[in-house]
């Protein structure tokens, strides 16, 4: 296995979707529902942003 096998547009798209989609879903669900306060929504998005 070499790096040319994984440095492709296909793998870039797969990683972008699998890492970005959960953050997007959490953001939409968090900001559109009154389950958590705005402060905790912000904290959750900041933590996810730091991880990803």
PDB file of N, CA and C in Angstrom:
ATOM      1  N   UNK A   1       0.845  -1.175   0.000  1.00  0.00           N
ATOM      2  CA  UNK A   1       0.000   0.000   0.000  1.00  0.00           C
ATOM      3  C   UNK A   1       0.894   1.244   0.000  1.00  0.00           C
ATOM      4  N   UNK A   2       0.551   2.134  -0.880  1.00  0.00           N
ATOM      5  CA  UNK A   2       1.296   3.382  -0.923  1.00  0.00           C
ATOM      6  C   UNK A   2       0.330   4.558  -0.833  1.00  0.00           C
ATOM      7  N   UNK A   3       0.904   5.739  -0.656  1.00  0.00           N
ATOM      8  CA  UNK A   3       0.043   6.900  -0.443  1.00  0.00           C
ATOM      9  C   UNK A   3      -0.723   7.317  -1.691  1.00  0.00           C
ATOM     10  N   UNK A   4      -0.241   6.971  -2.872  1.00  0.00           N
ATOM     11  CA  UNK A   4      -0.961   7.315  -4.091  1.00  0.00           C
ATOM     12  C   UNK A   4      -2.311   6.595  -4.179  1.00  0.00           C
ATOM     13  N   UNK A   5      -2.425   5.470  -3.505  1.00  0.00           N
ATOM     14  CA  UNK A   5      -3.677   4.722  -3.498  1.00  0.00           C
ATOM     15  C   UNK A   5      -4.772   5.475  -2.746  1.00  0.00           C
ATOM     16  N   UNK A   6      -4.391   6.221  -1.710  1.00  0.00           N
ATOM     17  CA  UNK A   6      -5.373   6.894  -0.865  1.00  0.00           C
ATOM     18  C   UNK A   6      -5.478   8.393  -1.124  1.00  0.00           C
ATOM     19  N   UNK A   7      -4.563   8.971  -1.855  1.00  0.00           N
ATOM     20  CA  UNK A   7      -4.616  10.397  -2.140  1.00  0.00           C
ATOM     21  C   UNK A   7      -5.329  10.639  -3.470  1.00  0.00           C
ATOM     22  N   UNK A   8      -6.615  10.359  -3.476  1.00  0.00           N
ATOM     23  CA  UNK A   8      -7.415  10.509  -4.687  1.00  0.00           C
ATOM     24  C   UNK A   8      -8.639  11.362  -4.389  1.00  0.00           C
ATOM     25  N   UNK A   9      -9.308  11.816  -5.437  1.00  0.00           N
ATOM     26  CA  UNK A   9     -10.543  12.586  -5.271  1.00  0.00           C
ATOM     27  C   UNK A   9     -11.618  11.753  -4.583  1.00  0.00           C
ATOM     28  N   UNK A  10     -11.651  10.469  -4.906  1.00  0.00           N
ATOM     29  CA  UNK A  10     -12.656   9.587  -4.309  1.00  0.00           C
ATOM     30  C   UNK A  10     -12.500   9.533  -2.791  1.00  0.00           C
ATOM     31  N   UNK A  11     -11.283   9.310  -2.310  1.00  0.00           N
ATOM     32  CA  UNK A  11     -11.062   9.227  -0.873  1.00  0.00           C
ATOM     33  C   UNK A  11     -11.275  10.574  -0.194  1.00  0.00           C
ATOM     34  N   UNK A  12     -10.932  11.650  -0.887  1.00  0.00           N
ATOM     35  CA  UNK A  12     -11.177  12.975  -0.329  1.00  0.00           C
ATOM     36  C   UNK A  12     -12.672  13.203  -0.150  1.00  0.00           C
ATOM     37  N   UNK A  13     -13.476  12.829  -1.128  1.00  0.00           N
ATOM     38  CA  UNK A  13     -14.924  12.993  -1.018  1.00  0.00           C
ATOM     39  C   UNK A  13     -15.504  12.109   0.077  1.00  0.00           C
ATOM     40  N   UNK A  14     -15.031  10.891   0.186  1.00  0.00           N
ATOM     41  CA  UNK A  14     -15.521   9.976   1.225  1.00  0.00           C
ATOM     42  C   UNK A  14     -15.220  10.527   2.614  1.00  0.00           C
ATOM     43  N   UNK A  15     -14.008  11.001   2.830  1.00  0.00           N
ATOM     44  CA  UNK A  15     -13.641  11.553   4.134  1.00  0.00           C
ATOM     45  C   UNK A  15     -14.420  12.826   4.443  1.00  0.00           C
ATOM     46  N   UNK A  16     -14.615  13.662   3.459  1.00  0.00           N
ATOM     47  CA  UNK A  16     -15.360  14.897   3.675  1.00  0.00           C
ATOM     48  C   UNK A  16     -16.799  14.612   4.069  1.00  0.00           C
ATOM     49  N   UNK A  17     -17.422  13.676   3.391  1.00  0.00           N
ATOM     50  CA  UNK A  17     -18.824  13.344   3.697  1.00  0.00           C
ATOM     51  C   UNK A  17     -18.940  12.668   5.056  1.00  0.00           C
ATOM     52  N   UNK A  18     -18.071  11.695   5.340  1.00  0.00           N
ATOM     53  CA  UNK A  18     -18.209  10.951   6.597  1.00  0.00           C
ATOM     54  C   UNK A  18     -17.834  11.788   7.811  1.00  0.00           C
ATOM     55  N   UNK A  19     -16.962  12.763   7.658  1.00  0.00           N
ATOM     56  CA  UNK A  19     -16.598  13.599   8.799  1.00  0.00           C
ATOM     57  C   UNK A  19     -17.478  14.840   8.912  1.00  0.00           C
ATOM     58  N   UNK A  20     -17.947  15.357   7.799  1.00  0.00           N
ATOM     59  CA  UNK A  20     -18.713  16.581   7.834  1.00  0.00           C
ATOM     60  C   UNK A  20     -20.199  16.394   8.033  1.00  0.00           C
ATOM     61  N   UNK A  21     -20.728  15.299   7.569  1.00  0.00           N
ATOM     62  CA  UNK A  21     -22.171  15.081   7.663  1.00  0.00           C
ATOM     63  C   UNK A  21     -22.677  14.971   9.107  1.00  0.00           C
ATOM     64  N   UNK A  22     -22.011  14.235   9.987  1.00  0.00           N
ATOM     65  CA  UNK A  22     -22.501  14.206  11.380  1.00  0.00           C
ATOM     66  C   UNK A  22     -22.474  15.575  12.045  1.00  0.00           C
ATOM     67  N   UNK A  23     -21.476  16.377  11.745  1.00  0.00           N
ATOM     68  CA  UNK A  23     -21.405  17.717  12.310  1.00  0.00           C
ATOM     69  C   UNK A  23     -22.536  18.582  11.774  1.00  0.00           C
ATOM     70  N   UNK A  24     -22.813  18.474  10.507  1.00  0.00           N
ATOM     71  CA  UNK A  24     -23.898  19.237   9.908  1.00  0.00           C
ATOM     72  C   UNK A  24     -25.246  18.824  10.493  1.00  0.00           C
ATOM     73  N   UNK A  25     -25.467  17.536  10.644  1.00  0.00           N
ATOM     74  CA  UNK A  25     -26.732  17.044  11.215  1.00  0.00           C
ATOM     75  C   UNK A  25     -26.891  17.519  12.649  1.00  0.00           C
ATOM     76  N   UNK A  26     -25.820  17.447  13.432  1.00  0.00           N
ATOM     77  CA  UNK A  26     -25.900  17.918  14.811  1.00  0.00           C
ATOM     78  C   UNK A  26     -26.179  19.413  14.858  1.00  0.00           C
ATOM     79  N   UNK A  27     -25.563  20.164  13.973  1.00  0.00           N
ATOM     80  CA  UNK A  27     -25.797  21.601  13.941  1.00  0.00           C
ATOM     81  C   UNK A  27     -27.235  21.943  13.593  1.00  0.00           C
ATOM     82  N   UNK A  28     -27.769  21.304  12.589  1.00  0.00           N
ATOM     83  CA  UNK A  28     -29.151  21.570  12.186  1.00  0.00           C
ATOM     84  C   UNK A  28     -30.116  21.131  13.277  1.00  0.00           C
ATOM     85  N   UNK A  29     -29.902  19.941  13.826  1.00  0.00           N
ATOM     86  CA  UNK A  29     -30.801  19.451  14.877  1.00  0.00           C
ATOM     87  C   UNK A  29     -30.673  20.281  16.149  1.00  0.00           C
ATOM     88  N   UNK A  30     -29.474  20.678  16.475  1.00  0.00           N
ATOM     89  CA  UNK A  30     -29.266  21.439  17.705  1.00  0.00           C
ATOM     90  C   UNK A  30     -29.843  22.837  17.647  1.00  0.00           C
ATOM     91  N   UNK A  31     -29.671  23.496  16.515  1.00  0.00           N
ATOM     92  CA  UNK A  31     -30.147  24.871  16.419  1.00  0.00           C
ATOM     93  C   UNK A  31     -31.619  24.977  16.048  1.00  0.00           C
ATOM     94  N   UNK A  32     -32.212  23.907  15.556  1.00  0.00           N
ATOM     95  CA  UNK A  32     -33.627  23.980  15.183  1.00  0.00           C
ATOM     96  C   UNK A  32     -34.551  23.414  16.257  1.00  0.00           C
ATOM     97  N   UNK A  33     -34.005  22.777  17.269  1.00  0.00           N
ATOM     98  CA  UNK A  33     -34.854  22.225  18.323  1.00  0.00           C
ATOM     99  C   UNK A  33     -34.503  22.880  19.665  1.00  0.00           C
ATOM    100  N   UNK A  34     -35.480  22.997  20.530  1.00  0.00           N
ATOM    101  CA  UNK A  34     -35.232  23.646  21.827  1.00  0.00           C
ATOM    102  C   UNK A  34     -34.738  22.684  22.911  1.00  0.00           C
ATOM    103  N   UNK A  35     -34.106  21.588  22.528  1.00  0.00           N
ATOM    104  CA  UNK A  35     -33.664  20.609  23.513  1.00  0.00           C
ATOM    105  C   UNK A  35     -32.543  21.187  24.390  1.00  0.00           C
ATOM    106  N   UNK A  36     -31.568  21.813  23.751  1.00  0.00           N
ATOM    107  CA  UNK A  36     -30.454  22.409  24.481  1.00  0.00           C
ATOM    108  C   UNK A  36     -30.502  23.923  24.327  1.00  0.00           C
ATOM    109  N   UNK A  37     -29.864  24.619  25.255  1.00  0.00           N
ATOM    110  CA  UNK A  37     -29.801  26.072  25.132  1.00  0.00           C
ATOM    111  C   UNK A  37     -28.801  26.446  24.044  1.00  0.00           C
ATOM    112  N   UNK A  38     -28.848  27.703  23.630  1.00  0.00           N
ATOM    113  CA  UNK A  38     -27.934  28.169  22.593  1.00  0.00           C
ATOM    114  C   UNK A  38     -26.474  28.034  23.032  1.00  0.00           C
ATOM    115  N   UNK A  39     -26.230  28.241  24.319  1.00  0.00           N
ATOM    116  CA  UNK A  39     -24.865  28.113  24.824  1.00  0.00           C
ATOM    117  C   UNK A  39     -24.325  26.697  24.618  1.00  0.00           C
ATOM    118  N   UNK A  40     -25.100  25.684  24.959  1.00  0.00           N
ATOM    119  CA  UNK A  40     -24.631  24.305  24.824  1.00  0.00           C
ATOM    120  C   UNK A  40     -24.563  23.868  23.365  1.00  0.00           C
ATOM    121  N   UNK A  41     -25.427  24.427  22.528  1.00  0.00           N
ATOM    122  CA  UNK A  41     -25.296  24.189  21.085  1.00  0.00           C
ATOM    123  C   UNK A  41     -23.962  24.722  20.580  1.00  0.00           C
ATOM    124  N   UNK A  42     -23.611  25.919  21.020  1.00  0.00           N
ATOM    125  CA  UNK A  42     -22.341  26.516  20.613  1.00  0.00           C
ATOM    126  C   UNK A  42     -21.159  25.699  21.119  1.00  0.00           C
ATOM    127  N   UNK A  43     -21.208  25.256  22.357  1.00  0.00           N
ATOM    128  CA  UNK A  43     -20.132  24.452  22.914  1.00  0.00           C
ATOM    129  C   UNK A  43     -19.975  23.142  22.141  1.00  0.00           C
ATOM    130  N   UNK A  44     -21.087  22.487  21.835  1.00  0.00           N
ATOM    131  CA  UNK A  44     -21.027  21.240  21.073  1.00  0.00           C
ATOM    132  C   UNK A  44     -20.447  21.433  19.696  1.00  0.00           C
ATOM    133  N   UNK A  45     -20.831  22.487  19.007  1.00  0.00           N
ATOM    134  CA  UNK A  45     -20.284  22.756  17.678  1.00  0.00           C
ATOM    135  C   UNK A  45     -18.805  23.122  17.755  1.00  0.00           C
ATOM    136  N   UNK A  46     -18.393  23.840  18.785  1.00  0.00           N
ATOM    137  CA  UNK A  46     -16.983  24.190  18.944  1.00  0.00           C
ATOM    138  C   UNK A  46     -16.135  22.954  19.190  1.00  0.00           C
ATOM    139  N   UNK A  47     -16.648  22.034  20.001  1.00  0.00           N
ATOM    140  CA  UNK A  47     -15.906  20.795  20.266  1.00  0.00           C
ATOM    141  C   UNK A  47     -15.807  19.956  19.002  1.00  0.00           C
ATOM    142  N   UNK A  48     -16.908  19.807  18.283  1.00  0.00           N
ATOM    143  CA  UNK A  48     -16.869  19.049  17.035  1.00  0.00           C
ATOM    144  C   UNK A  48     -15.964  19.713  16.014  1.00  0.00           C
ATOM    145  N   UNK A  49     -15.985  21.027  15.957  1.00  0.00           N
ATOM    146  CA  UNK A  49     -15.095  21.732  15.044  1.00  0.00           C
ATOM    147  C   UNK A  49     -13.638  21.522  15.379  1.00  0.00           C
ATOM    148  N   UNK A  50     -13.321  21.456  16.666  1.00  0.00           N
ATOM    149  CA  UNK A  50     -11.936  21.219  17.081  1.00  0.00           C
ATOM    150  C   UNK A  50     -11.504  19.791  16.776  1.00  0.00           C
ATOM    151  N   UNK A  51     -12.434  18.839  16.894  1.00  0.00           N
ATOM    152  CA  UNK A  51     -12.096  17.441  16.628  1.00  0.00           C
ATOM    153  C   UNK A  51     -11.914  17.204  15.149  1.00  0.00           C
ATOM    154  N   UNK A  52     -12.824  17.720  14.339  1.00  0.00           N
ATOM    155  CA  UNK A  52     -12.755  17.482  12.904  1.00  0.00           C
ATOM    156  C   UNK A  52     -12.003  18.565  12.216  1.00  0.00           C
TER     157      UNK A  52
END
